[in-house]
C-alpha cells in the first residue's frame, strides 16, 4: 500500500499502472474554500441518495445533487437523476477546475458527508452515460478525509488525504482498472462536500 501525504505535484501519477490520478493539492485558498463550502451547503438542492439493492430501494445518510449544462440523465446504483441548472458558485468552481486541468466538463455530481461516519464503498465511475476514459475532477471542501484506490486485478492499494480546497483528477483507464472509496472513520466529526466534475457523453 502506498500512502501519499499532503503534496501538490500535479505532474505525478499516483497510480503505478493502468490509469492516471493527479493530485493538485489546494487550488482554493482557505477563506474562499470556507465561503464556497457554506454557499454550497445552504444553496444546493441536497437529497438523500437512493440505491436499489436486491430489488429494495434504500436511502443513504449521505446527500447528493446533480447539476449540468442541460437536463442530462445520469444512472447509477439502478437509479436515474436529472441534472439541475448550474448555480453561480458551481460555475465559478467549474471554470477554476477547467483552467487548472485543461479539461472541459458539462456536469457535476455533489456529495455531502455529514461526518466521518458516512463514506463510500469501493466502486468505479464507469457508467455508460459518462465519456469513456474521460477525466473526473474531484474538489474537496470541509473535513480532510482519506481516499483509497484498489486495483481490480492485483489488489494494489494507493491512499492519500484530500485537503480542504483541494483538487484530484482521475482519467485515462483509471475507472476500468481501479476501484476507489471514501472509508468511514470515527476520527472525523466535521462534514465534507465533494464535487466531481464529469463529462456526459451527449452522443448517446
N, C-alpha and C. Protein backbone atom coordinates (compact mmCIF):
# COMPACT_ATOMS: atom_id res chain seq x y z
N UNK A 1 0.85 -1.20 0.00
CA UNK A 1 0.00 0.00 0.00
C UNK A 1 0.88 1.24 0.00
N UNK A 2 0.52 2.20 -0.84
CA UNK A 2 1.23 3.47 -0.88
C UNK A 2 0.34 4.56 -0.30
N UNK A 3 0.81 5.23 0.73
CA UNK A 3 0.06 6.33 1.33
C UNK A 3 0.81 7.62 1.05
N UNK A 4 0.15 8.51 0.30
CA UNK A 4 0.76 9.79 -0.03
C UNK A 4 0.35 10.83 1.00
N UNK A 5 1.29 11.63 1.44
CA UNK A 5 0.99 12.73 2.35
C UNK A 5 0.49 13.93 1.58
N UNK A 6 0.46 15.06 2.23
CA UNK A 6 -0.02 16.28 1.59
C UNK A 6 1.07 16.87 0.70
N UNK A 7 0.82 16.91 -0.58
CA UNK A 7 1.76 17.44 -1.55
C UNK A 7 0.95 18.00 -2.71
N UNK A 8 1.61 18.64 -3.67
CA UNK A 8 0.85 19.26 -4.75
C UNK A 8 1.59 19.20 -6.08
N UNK A 9 2.26 18.09 -6.35
CA UNK A 9 2.92 17.92 -7.64
C UNK A 9 1.92 17.29 -8.60
N UNK A 10 1.23 18.15 -9.36
CA UNK A 10 0.15 17.66 -10.22
C UNK A 10 0.65 16.85 -11.41
N UNK A 11 1.97 16.85 -11.64
CA UNK A 11 2.52 16.07 -12.75
C UNK A 11 2.78 14.62 -12.36
N UNK A 12 2.71 14.32 -11.07
CA UNK A 12 2.99 12.97 -10.58
C UNK A 12 1.75 12.09 -10.70
N UNK A 13 1.90 10.93 -11.34
CA UNK A 13 0.82 9.96 -11.42
C UNK A 13 0.87 9.08 -10.17
N UNK A 14 -0.19 9.13 -9.36
CA UNK A 14 -0.21 8.37 -8.11
C UNK A 14 -0.36 6.87 -8.33
N UNK A 15 -0.87 6.48 -9.50
CA UNK A 15 -1.09 5.06 -9.76
C UNK A 15 0.16 4.42 -10.38
N UNK A 16 0.48 3.19 -9.99
CA UNK A 16 1.66 2.53 -10.55
C UNK A 16 1.43 1.95 -11.94
N UNK A 17 0.16 1.80 -12.34
CA UNK A 17 -0.15 1.20 -13.64
C UNK A 17 -1.63 1.43 -13.98
N UNK A 18 -1.97 1.27 -15.24
CA UNK A 18 -3.37 1.15 -15.70
C UNK A 18 -4.26 2.34 -15.34
N UNK A 19 -3.77 3.53 -15.54
CA UNK A 19 -4.61 4.69 -15.28
C UNK A 19 -3.77 5.88 -14.83
N UNK A 20 -4.44 7.01 -14.65
CA UNK A 20 -3.75 8.23 -14.24
C UNK A 20 -4.55 8.96 -13.18
N UNK A 21 -3.92 9.25 -12.07
CA UNK A 21 -4.51 10.06 -11.00
C UNK A 21 -3.51 11.13 -10.61
N UNK A 22 -3.92 12.38 -10.69
CA UNK A 22 -3.06 13.52 -10.34
C UNK A 22 -3.70 14.30 -9.19
N UNK A 23 -2.89 14.62 -8.20
CA UNK A 23 -3.36 15.42 -7.07
C UNK A 23 -2.75 16.80 -7.15
N UNK A 24 -3.58 17.82 -7.23
CA UNK A 24 -3.13 19.21 -7.40
C UNK A 24 -2.95 19.92 -6.06
N UNK A 25 -3.36 19.28 -4.98
CA UNK A 25 -3.31 19.95 -3.69
C UNK A 25 -4.37 21.05 -3.61
N UNK A 26 -4.12 22.03 -2.75
CA UNK A 26 -5.09 23.09 -2.52
C UNK A 26 -5.05 24.09 -3.67
N UNK A 27 -6.13 24.13 -4.46
CA UNK A 27 -6.22 25.10 -5.56
C UNK A 27 -7.09 26.29 -5.16
N UNK A 28 -7.73 26.22 -3.99
CA UNK A 28 -8.58 27.30 -3.47
C UNK A 28 -8.07 27.67 -2.09
N UNK A 29 -7.82 28.95 -1.86
CA UNK A 29 -7.30 29.34 -0.55
C UNK A 29 -8.36 29.13 0.53
N UNK A 30 -7.93 29.10 1.77
CA UNK A 30 -8.80 28.69 2.87
C UNK A 30 -10.05 29.57 2.99
N UNK A 31 -9.87 30.88 2.87
CA UNK A 31 -11.01 31.79 3.02
C UNK A 31 -12.05 31.54 1.94
N UNK A 32 -11.62 31.40 0.69
CA UNK A 32 -12.56 31.14 -0.40
C UNK A 32 -13.17 29.74 -0.26
N UNK A 33 -12.37 28.77 0.16
CA UNK A 33 -12.88 27.41 0.34
C UNK A 33 -13.98 27.39 1.41
N UNK A 34 -13.76 28.13 2.49
CA UNK A 34 -14.79 28.22 3.54
C UNK A 34 -16.07 28.84 2.99
N UNK A 35 -15.90 29.88 2.17
CA UNK A 35 -17.08 30.57 1.61
C UNK A 35 -17.85 29.66 0.65
N UNK A 36 -17.10 28.97 -0.23
CA UNK A 36 -17.76 28.06 -1.16
C UNK A 36 -18.48 26.94 -0.41
N UNK A 37 -17.83 26.41 0.62
CA UNK A 37 -18.46 25.35 1.40
C UNK A 37 -19.80 25.81 1.96
N UNK A 38 -19.82 27.00 2.57
CA UNK A 38 -21.04 27.49 3.20
C UNK A 38 -22.14 27.75 2.17
N UNK A 39 -21.77 28.34 1.02
CA UNK A 39 -22.74 28.62 -0.03
C UNK A 39 -23.35 27.32 -0.57
N UNK A 40 -22.50 26.33 -0.83
CA UNK A 40 -22.99 25.06 -1.35
C UNK A 40 -23.85 24.34 -0.33
N UNK A 41 -23.43 24.37 0.92
CA UNK A 41 -24.20 23.72 1.98
C UNK A 41 -25.61 24.29 2.06
N UNK A 42 -25.71 25.62 1.87
CA UNK A 42 -27.00 26.29 2.03
C UNK A 42 -27.86 26.28 0.76
N UNK A 43 -27.21 26.34 -0.42
CA UNK A 43 -27.96 26.61 -1.64
C UNK A 43 -28.17 25.42 -2.57
N UNK A 44 -27.38 24.37 -2.41
CA UNK A 44 -27.55 23.20 -3.27
C UNK A 44 -28.83 22.44 -2.88
N UNK A 45 -29.51 21.87 -3.85
CA UNK A 45 -30.74 21.10 -3.58
C UNK A 45 -30.36 19.67 -3.19
N UNK A 46 -29.92 19.53 -1.95
CA UNK A 46 -29.47 18.24 -1.46
C UNK A 46 -30.63 17.27 -1.25
N UNK A 47 -30.39 16.02 -1.59
CA UNK A 47 -31.36 14.95 -1.33
C UNK A 47 -30.61 13.70 -0.89
N UNK A 48 -31.23 12.91 -0.03
CA UNK A 48 -30.62 11.63 0.33
C UNK A 48 -30.47 10.78 -0.92
N UNK A 49 -29.31 10.16 -1.06
CA UNK A 49 -29.07 9.34 -2.24
C UNK A 49 -29.92 8.07 -2.17
N UNK A 50 -30.27 7.55 -3.35
CA UNK A 50 -31.07 6.33 -3.44
C UNK A 50 -30.26 5.25 -4.14
N UNK A 51 -30.48 4.03 -3.73
CA UNK A 51 -29.86 2.88 -4.40
C UNK A 51 -30.83 1.71 -4.33
N UNK A 52 -30.81 0.88 -5.35
CA UNK A 52 -31.65 -0.31 -5.37
C UNK A 52 -30.75 -1.52 -5.14
N UNK A 53 -30.96 -2.20 -4.01
CA UNK A 53 -30.15 -3.35 -3.64
C UNK A 53 -31.06 -4.55 -3.41
N UNK A 54 -30.83 -5.61 -4.19
CA UNK A 54 -31.67 -6.80 -4.13
C UNK A 54 -33.14 -6.45 -4.28
N UNK A 55 -33.41 -5.49 -5.20
CA UNK A 55 -34.78 -5.12 -5.50
C UNK A 55 -35.42 -4.16 -4.53
N UNK A 56 -34.69 -3.76 -3.50
CA UNK A 56 -35.23 -2.83 -2.50
C UNK A 56 -34.57 -1.48 -2.62
N UNK A 57 -35.37 -0.42 -2.56
CA UNK A 57 -34.83 0.93 -2.62
C UNK A 57 -34.44 1.37 -1.21
N UNK A 58 -33.19 1.83 -1.08
CA UNK A 58 -32.73 2.32 0.21
C UNK A 58 -32.28 3.76 0.08
N UNK A 59 -32.33 4.50 1.18
CA UNK A 59 -31.86 5.88 1.23
C UNK A 59 -30.60 5.94 2.08
N UNK A 60 -29.58 6.63 1.59
CA UNK A 60 -28.34 6.78 2.35
C UNK A 60 -28.41 8.01 3.25
N UNK A 61 -27.58 8.02 4.29
CA UNK A 61 -27.45 9.22 5.11
C UNK A 61 -26.79 10.33 4.30
N UNK A 62 -25.84 9.91 3.48
CA UNK A 62 -25.15 10.86 2.59
C UNK A 62 -26.17 11.53 1.67
N UNK A 63 -25.97 12.81 1.41
CA UNK A 63 -26.86 13.52 0.48
C UNK A 63 -26.13 13.85 -0.81
N UNK A 64 -26.87 13.95 -1.90
CA UNK A 64 -26.27 14.17 -3.21
C UNK A 64 -27.06 15.22 -3.99
N UNK A 65 -26.44 15.70 -5.08
CA UNK A 65 -27.11 16.61 -6.01
C UNK A 65 -26.41 16.46 -7.36
N UNK A 66 -27.15 16.72 -8.44
CA UNK A 66 -26.64 16.51 -9.80
C UNK A 66 -26.97 17.74 -10.63
N UNK A 67 -25.94 18.40 -11.19
CA UNK A 67 -26.10 19.63 -11.95
C UNK A 67 -25.40 19.50 -13.30
N UNK A 68 -25.84 20.31 -14.29
CA UNK A 68 -25.19 20.20 -15.59
C UNK A 68 -25.59 21.28 -16.57
N UNK A 69 -24.95 21.24 -17.76
CA UNK A 69 -25.22 22.21 -18.82
C UNK A 69 -26.68 22.17 -19.27
N UNK A 70 -27.26 20.98 -19.21
CA UNK A 70 -28.68 20.78 -19.55
C UNK A 70 -29.21 19.65 -18.69
N UNK A 71 -30.43 19.24 -18.93
CA UNK A 71 -31.06 18.23 -18.07
C UNK A 71 -30.57 16.82 -18.34
N UNK A 72 -29.25 16.62 -18.27
CA UNK A 72 -28.67 15.29 -18.50
C UNK A 72 -29.24 14.27 -17.52
N UNK A 73 -29.47 13.07 -18.01
CA UNK A 73 -29.84 11.97 -17.13
C UNK A 73 -28.58 11.16 -16.82
N UNK A 74 -28.46 10.77 -15.56
CA UNK A 74 -27.30 10.01 -15.12
C UNK A 74 -27.79 8.87 -14.24
N UNK A 75 -27.47 7.64 -14.62
CA UNK A 75 -27.95 6.47 -13.91
C UNK A 75 -26.80 5.73 -13.24
N UNK A 76 -26.93 5.52 -11.92
CA UNK A 76 -26.00 4.68 -11.18
C UNK A 76 -26.77 4.07 -10.01
N UNK A 77 -26.30 2.94 -9.52
CA UNK A 77 -26.98 2.20 -8.45
C UNK A 77 -28.46 1.97 -8.79
N UNK A 78 -28.73 1.80 -10.10
CA UNK A 78 -30.07 1.49 -10.61
C UNK A 78 -31.08 2.60 -10.35
N UNK A 79 -30.60 3.83 -10.16
CA UNK A 79 -31.49 4.98 -10.06
C UNK A 79 -31.01 6.05 -11.04
N UNK A 80 -31.94 6.86 -11.54
CA UNK A 80 -31.62 7.88 -12.55
C UNK A 80 -31.88 9.27 -12.00
N UNK A 81 -30.92 10.16 -12.20
CA UNK A 81 -31.06 11.55 -11.78
C UNK A 81 -31.07 12.46 -13.01
N UNK A 82 -31.81 13.56 -12.93
CA UNK A 82 -31.86 14.56 -14.00
C UNK A 82 -31.17 15.83 -13.51
N UNK A 83 -30.22 16.32 -14.30
CA UNK A 83 -29.39 17.45 -13.87
C UNK A 83 -30.18 18.73 -13.71
N UNK A 84 -29.86 19.47 -12.66
CA UNK A 84 -30.41 20.79 -12.40
C UNK A 84 -29.52 21.84 -13.06
N UNK A 85 -30.02 23.06 -13.28
CA UNK A 85 -29.19 24.12 -13.86
C UNK A 85 -28.08 24.55 -12.90
N UNK A 86 -26.94 24.92 -13.44
CA UNK A 86 -25.80 25.36 -12.64
C UNK A 86 -26.17 26.51 -11.71
N UNK A 87 -25.59 26.53 -10.52
CA UNK A 87 -25.66 27.70 -9.65
C UNK A 87 -24.44 28.58 -9.93
N UNK A 88 -24.45 29.80 -9.42
CA UNK A 88 -23.33 30.72 -9.64
C UNK A 88 -22.04 30.15 -9.08
N UNK A 89 -22.09 29.59 -7.86
CA UNK A 89 -20.89 29.04 -7.23
C UNK A 89 -20.34 27.85 -8.02
N UNK A 90 -21.23 27.00 -8.53
CA UNK A 90 -20.77 25.84 -9.29
C UNK A 90 -20.08 26.25 -10.58
N UNK A 91 -20.60 27.28 -11.23
CA UNK A 91 -19.98 27.75 -12.47
C UNK A 91 -18.58 28.32 -12.21
N UNK A 92 -18.43 29.02 -11.09
CA UNK A 92 -17.11 29.56 -10.74
C UNK A 92 -16.13 28.42 -10.49
N UNK A 93 -16.56 27.42 -9.73
CA UNK A 93 -15.70 26.28 -9.43
C UNK A 93 -15.39 25.48 -10.69
N UNK A 94 -16.38 25.32 -11.56
CA UNK A 94 -16.18 24.61 -12.82
C UNK A 94 -15.10 25.31 -13.66
N UNK A 95 -15.19 26.62 -13.77
CA UNK A 95 -14.20 27.39 -14.54
C UNK A 95 -12.81 27.25 -13.92
N UNK A 96 -12.74 27.30 -12.61
CA UNK A 96 -11.45 27.16 -11.91
C UNK A 96 -10.82 25.81 -12.20
N UNK A 97 -11.62 24.76 -12.12
CA UNK A 97 -11.12 23.40 -12.35
C UNK A 97 -10.69 23.23 -13.81
N UNK A 98 -11.47 23.76 -14.73
CA UNK A 98 -11.13 23.64 -16.15
C UNK A 98 -9.82 24.37 -16.48
N UNK A 99 -9.61 25.53 -15.84
CA UNK A 99 -8.37 26.27 -16.07
C UNK A 99 -7.17 25.53 -15.48
N UNK A 100 -7.36 24.88 -14.34
CA UNK A 100 -6.27 24.14 -13.71
C UNK A 100 -5.89 22.90 -14.51
N UNK A 101 -6.89 22.22 -15.06
CA UNK A 101 -6.66 20.90 -15.66
C UNK A 101 -6.55 20.91 -17.17
N UNK A 102 -7.09 21.95 -17.84
CA UNK A 102 -7.15 21.96 -19.29
C UNK A 102 -8.23 21.06 -19.85
N UNK A 103 -9.08 20.53 -18.96
CA UNK A 103 -10.20 19.68 -19.37
C UNK A 103 -11.48 20.50 -19.44
N UNK A 104 -12.51 19.95 -20.10
CA UNK A 104 -13.83 20.57 -20.15
C UNK A 104 -14.85 19.62 -19.54
N UNK A 105 -15.77 20.16 -18.76
CA UNK A 105 -16.78 19.34 -18.10
C UNK A 105 -18.18 19.91 -18.36
N UNK A 106 -19.18 19.04 -18.40
CA UNK A 106 -20.55 19.51 -18.64
C UNK A 106 -21.51 19.14 -17.52
N UNK A 107 -21.00 18.59 -16.42
CA UNK A 107 -21.88 18.17 -15.34
C UNK A 107 -21.09 18.01 -14.04
N UNK A 108 -21.82 17.90 -12.93
CA UNK A 108 -21.18 17.77 -11.63
C UNK A 108 -22.08 17.00 -10.67
N UNK A 109 -21.53 15.96 -10.07
CA UNK A 109 -22.22 15.22 -9.02
C UNK A 109 -21.62 15.65 -7.68
N UNK A 110 -22.47 16.10 -6.77
CA UNK A 110 -22.01 16.56 -5.45
C UNK A 110 -22.44 15.59 -4.38
N UNK A 111 -21.57 15.38 -3.39
CA UNK A 111 -21.87 14.55 -2.23
C UNK A 111 -21.67 15.35 -0.96
N UNK A 112 -22.57 15.19 -0.01
CA UNK A 112 -22.46 15.82 1.30
C UNK A 112 -22.37 14.72 2.35
N UNK A 113 -21.20 14.66 3.00
CA UNK A 113 -20.97 13.70 4.08
C UNK A 113 -21.04 14.48 5.39
N UNK A 114 -21.99 14.13 6.25
CA UNK A 114 -22.22 14.93 7.45
C UNK A 114 -21.13 14.74 8.50
N UNK A 115 -20.47 13.59 8.50
CA UNK A 115 -19.38 13.31 9.43
C UNK A 115 -18.57 12.15 8.87
N UNK A 116 -17.53 11.76 9.61
CA UNK A 116 -16.71 10.65 9.18
C UNK A 116 -17.43 9.31 9.20
N UNK A 117 -18.56 9.25 9.89
CA UNK A 117 -19.35 8.01 9.91
C UNK A 117 -19.89 7.67 8.53
N UNK A 118 -20.03 8.67 7.67
CA UNK A 118 -20.54 8.45 6.32
C UNK A 118 -19.39 8.35 5.34
N UNK A 119 -19.45 7.37 4.47
CA UNK A 119 -18.39 7.17 3.48
C UNK A 119 -18.96 6.60 2.20
N UNK A 120 -18.08 6.00 1.40
CA UNK A 120 -18.48 5.40 0.14
C UNK A 120 -17.67 4.13 -0.05
N UNK A 121 -18.37 3.03 -0.37
CA UNK A 121 -17.70 1.75 -0.57
C UNK A 121 -16.92 1.76 -1.88
N UNK A 122 -16.04 0.77 -2.06
CA UNK A 122 -15.28 0.66 -3.29
C UNK A 122 -16.20 0.58 -4.50
N UNK A 123 -15.89 1.37 -5.53
CA UNK A 123 -16.67 1.39 -6.77
C UNK A 123 -15.82 2.05 -7.85
N UNK A 124 -16.29 2.00 -9.08
CA UNK A 124 -15.66 2.76 -10.17
C UNK A 124 -16.73 3.56 -10.87
N UNK A 125 -16.34 4.71 -11.39
CA UNK A 125 -17.29 5.59 -12.09
C UNK A 125 -17.20 5.30 -13.59
N UNK A 126 -17.77 4.16 -13.98
CA UNK A 126 -17.67 3.72 -15.37
C UNK A 126 -19.06 3.55 -16.00
N UNK A 127 -20.02 4.35 -15.53
CA UNK A 127 -21.37 4.25 -16.07
C UNK A 127 -21.39 4.60 -17.55
N UNK A 128 -22.32 4.00 -18.27
CA UNK A 128 -22.37 4.19 -19.73
C UNK A 128 -22.70 5.62 -20.12
N UNK A 129 -23.29 6.40 -19.21
CA UNK A 129 -23.62 7.79 -19.52
C UNK A 129 -22.37 8.66 -19.65
N UNK A 130 -21.28 8.26 -19.01
CA UNK A 130 -20.08 9.08 -18.96
C UNK A 130 -19.17 8.84 -20.16
N UNK A 131 -18.41 9.87 -20.52
CA UNK A 131 -17.41 9.75 -21.58
C UNK A 131 -16.39 8.70 -21.18
N UNK A 132 -16.16 7.72 -22.02
CA UNK A 132 -15.24 6.63 -21.70
C UNK A 132 -13.82 7.17 -21.55
N UNK A 133 -13.18 6.81 -20.46
CA UNK A 133 -11.81 7.25 -20.13
C UNK A 133 -11.69 8.76 -19.98
N UNK A 134 -12.83 9.44 -19.83
CA UNK A 134 -12.80 10.89 -19.64
C UNK A 134 -12.31 11.26 -18.24
N UNK A 135 -11.88 12.49 -18.10
CA UNK A 135 -11.39 12.97 -16.80
C UNK A 135 -12.56 13.21 -15.85
N UNK A 136 -12.34 12.89 -14.57
CA UNK A 136 -13.26 13.24 -13.49
C UNK A 136 -12.46 14.06 -12.49
N UNK A 137 -12.90 15.28 -12.25
CA UNK A 137 -12.18 16.20 -11.37
C UNK A 137 -12.92 16.32 -10.04
N UNK A 138 -12.25 15.98 -8.96
CA UNK A 138 -12.87 15.93 -7.64
C UNK A 138 -12.34 17.07 -6.77
N UNK A 139 -13.25 17.95 -6.35
CA UNK A 139 -12.91 19.06 -5.46
C UNK A 139 -13.43 18.73 -4.06
N UNK A 140 -12.58 18.91 -3.05
CA UNK A 140 -12.95 18.62 -1.67
C UNK A 140 -13.08 19.91 -0.87
N UNK A 141 -14.16 20.04 -0.12
CA UNK A 141 -14.39 21.18 0.75
C UNK A 141 -14.83 20.67 2.12
N UNK A 142 -14.24 21.22 3.16
CA UNK A 142 -14.62 20.79 4.50
C UNK A 142 -13.60 19.85 5.10
N UNK A 143 -14.08 18.85 5.82
CA UNK A 143 -13.20 17.94 6.56
C UNK A 143 -12.22 17.21 5.65
N UNK A 144 -10.97 17.09 6.11
CA UNK A 144 -9.99 16.29 5.38
C UNK A 144 -10.33 14.81 5.57
N UNK A 145 -10.30 14.05 4.47
CA UNK A 145 -10.63 12.62 4.54
C UNK A 145 -9.63 11.80 3.74
N UNK A 146 -9.40 10.59 4.19
CA UNK A 146 -8.56 9.65 3.44
C UNK A 146 -9.34 9.14 2.23
N UNK A 147 -8.66 8.94 1.11
CA UNK A 147 -9.25 8.46 -0.13
C UNK A 147 -8.41 7.29 -0.61
N UNK A 148 -9.05 6.19 -1.00
CA UNK A 148 -8.33 4.96 -1.32
C UNK A 148 -8.62 4.45 -2.72
N UNK A 149 -7.58 3.92 -3.37
CA UNK A 149 -7.72 3.23 -4.65
C UNK A 149 -7.30 1.78 -4.47
N UNK A 150 -7.96 0.86 -5.21
CA UNK A 150 -7.57 -0.55 -5.20
C UNK A 150 -7.66 -1.11 -6.61
N UNK A 151 -6.56 -1.73 -7.07
CA UNK A 151 -6.55 -2.31 -8.42
C UNK A 151 -7.48 -3.51 -8.47
N UNK A 152 -8.29 -3.60 -9.52
CA UNK A 152 -9.29 -4.66 -9.63
C UNK A 152 -8.68 -6.05 -9.78
N UNK A 153 -7.47 -6.14 -10.32
CA UNK A 153 -6.84 -7.44 -10.55
C UNK A 153 -5.77 -7.76 -9.51
N UNK A 154 -4.83 -6.84 -9.32
CA UNK A 154 -3.69 -7.12 -8.44
C UNK A 154 -3.98 -6.85 -6.96
N UNK A 155 -5.01 -6.05 -6.69
CA UNK A 155 -5.31 -5.70 -5.30
C UNK A 155 -4.41 -4.61 -4.73
N UNK A 156 -3.49 -4.07 -5.55
CA UNK A 156 -2.63 -2.98 -5.08
C UNK A 156 -3.48 -1.82 -4.56
N UNK A 157 -3.00 -1.15 -3.52
CA UNK A 157 -3.74 -0.04 -2.94
C UNK A 157 -2.89 1.23 -2.92
N UNK A 158 -3.56 2.34 -3.15
CA UNK A 158 -2.94 3.65 -3.06
C UNK A 158 -3.89 4.53 -2.25
N UNK A 159 -3.35 5.26 -1.28
CA UNK A 159 -4.19 6.12 -0.44
C UNK A 159 -3.57 7.51 -0.32
N UNK A 160 -4.43 8.50 -0.13
CA UNK A 160 -3.96 9.85 0.15
C UNK A 160 -5.01 10.58 0.96
N UNK A 161 -4.65 11.73 1.50
CA UNK A 161 -5.57 12.57 2.27
C UNK A 161 -5.99 13.74 1.41
N UNK A 162 -7.29 13.92 1.26
CA UNK A 162 -7.83 15.02 0.45
C UNK A 162 -8.06 16.23 1.35
N UNK A 163 -7.41 17.32 1.00
CA UNK A 163 -7.44 18.51 1.84
C UNK A 163 -8.60 19.45 1.48
N UNK A 164 -8.91 20.33 2.39
CA UNK A 164 -9.92 21.37 2.20
C UNK A 164 -9.48 22.31 1.07
N UNK A 165 -10.28 22.39 0.02
CA UNK A 165 -9.94 23.26 -1.12
C UNK A 165 -9.06 22.59 -2.16
N UNK A 166 -8.94 21.26 -2.11
CA UNK A 166 -8.02 20.56 -2.99
C UNK A 166 -8.72 19.98 -4.22
N UNK A 167 -7.88 19.57 -5.19
CA UNK A 167 -8.36 19.00 -6.46
C UNK A 167 -7.62 17.70 -6.75
N UNK A 168 -8.38 16.66 -7.08
CA UNK A 168 -7.86 15.37 -7.53
C UNK A 168 -8.48 15.05 -8.88
N UNK A 169 -7.69 14.57 -9.84
CA UNK A 169 -8.20 14.24 -11.16
C UNK A 169 -7.90 12.78 -11.49
N UNK A 170 -8.95 12.04 -11.87
CA UNK A 170 -8.83 10.66 -12.34
C UNK A 170 -9.13 10.65 -13.83
N UNK A 171 -8.29 9.98 -14.62
CA UNK A 171 -8.53 9.96 -16.06
C UNK A 171 -7.91 8.73 -16.71
N UNK A 172 -7.99 8.69 -18.05
CA UNK A 172 -7.48 7.57 -18.84
C UNK A 172 -8.20 6.28 -18.41
N UNK A 173 -7.49 5.20 -18.19
CA UNK A 173 -8.12 3.90 -17.92
C UNK A 173 -8.38 3.64 -16.43
N UNK A 174 -8.31 4.68 -15.62
CA UNK A 174 -8.44 4.51 -14.17
C UNK A 174 -9.73 3.77 -13.79
N UNK A 175 -10.86 4.17 -14.36
CA UNK A 175 -12.14 3.58 -13.97
C UNK A 175 -12.27 2.12 -14.42
N UNK A 176 -11.53 1.74 -15.46
CA UNK A 176 -11.58 0.37 -15.96
C UNK A 176 -10.80 -0.59 -15.07
N UNK A 177 -9.71 -0.09 -14.45
CA UNK A 177 -8.81 -0.98 -13.73
C UNK A 177 -8.77 -0.75 -12.22
N UNK A 178 -9.29 0.38 -11.76
CA UNK A 178 -9.19 0.70 -10.34
C UNK A 178 -10.56 0.99 -9.73
N UNK A 179 -10.72 0.58 -8.48
CA UNK A 179 -11.85 0.97 -7.64
C UNK A 179 -11.37 2.09 -6.72
N UNK A 180 -12.30 2.91 -6.25
CA UNK A 180 -11.93 3.92 -5.25
C UNK A 180 -13.02 4.01 -4.20
N UNK A 181 -12.66 4.51 -3.05
CA UNK A 181 -13.63 4.63 -1.95
C UNK A 181 -13.24 5.75 -1.00
N UNK A 182 -14.21 6.16 -0.20
CA UNK A 182 -14.00 7.10 0.90
C UNK A 182 -14.31 6.32 2.18
N UNK A 183 -13.28 5.79 2.85
CA UNK A 183 -13.55 4.93 4.02
C UNK A 183 -14.12 5.74 5.19
N UNK A 184 -15.11 5.17 5.88
CA UNK A 184 -15.65 5.86 7.06
C UNK A 184 -14.62 5.88 8.18
N UNK A 185 -14.72 6.87 9.05
CA UNK A 185 -13.81 6.99 10.18
C UNK A 185 -14.49 7.72 11.33
N UNK A 186 -14.28 7.26 12.53
CA UNK A 186 -14.85 7.92 13.70
C UNK A 186 -13.99 9.09 14.16
N UNK A 187 -12.81 9.23 13.55
CA UNK A 187 -11.91 10.31 13.95
C UNK A 187 -12.35 11.67 13.41
N UNK A 188 -13.23 11.66 12.39
CA UNK A 188 -13.67 12.91 11.75
C UNK A 188 -15.11 13.21 12.17
N UNK A 189 -15.33 14.37 12.75
CA UNK A 189 -16.68 14.76 13.18
C UNK A 189 -17.26 15.86 12.30
N UNK A 190 -16.41 16.53 11.52
CA UNK A 190 -16.86 17.62 10.66
C UNK A 190 -17.43 17.07 9.35
N UNK A 191 -18.20 17.90 8.67
CA UNK A 191 -18.81 17.50 7.40
C UNK A 191 -17.89 17.84 6.22
N UNK A 192 -18.16 17.19 5.08
CA UNK A 192 -17.36 17.39 3.88
C UNK A 192 -18.28 17.44 2.66
N UNK A 193 -17.98 18.36 1.74
CA UNK A 193 -18.67 18.41 0.45
C UNK A 193 -17.66 18.04 -0.62
N UNK A 194 -18.05 17.12 -1.48
CA UNK A 194 -17.21 16.67 -2.58
C UNK A 194 -17.93 16.97 -3.90
N UNK A 195 -17.24 17.63 -4.81
CA UNK A 195 -17.79 17.92 -6.14
C UNK A 195 -16.99 17.11 -7.16
N UNK A 196 -17.66 16.32 -7.97
CA UNK A 196 -16.97 15.58 -9.02
C UNK A 196 -17.49 16.07 -10.38
N UNK A 197 -16.65 16.85 -11.04
CA UNK A 197 -16.98 17.38 -12.36
C UNK A 197 -16.73 16.29 -13.39
N UNK A 198 -17.73 16.05 -14.26
CA UNK A 198 -17.72 14.93 -15.19
C UNK A 198 -18.14 15.39 -16.58
N UNK A 199 -18.03 14.46 -17.53
CA UNK A 199 -18.50 14.74 -18.89
C UNK A 199 -19.48 13.65 -19.31
N UNK A 200 -20.73 14.05 -19.47
CA UNK A 200 -21.75 13.14 -20.01
C UNK A 200 -21.53 13.05 -21.51
N UNK A 201 -21.55 11.84 -22.06
CA UNK A 201 -21.38 11.63 -23.49
C UNK A 201 -22.70 11.93 -24.19
N UNK A 202 -22.76 13.10 -24.85
CA UNK A 202 -24.00 13.56 -25.47
C UNK A 202 -24.33 12.81 -26.76
N UNK A 203 -23.43 11.96 -27.24
CA UNK A 203 -23.69 11.22 -28.48
C UNK A 203 -24.60 10.02 -28.25
N UNK A 204 -24.82 9.68 -26.98
CA UNK A 204 -25.65 8.52 -26.69
C UNK A 204 -27.13 8.82 -26.89
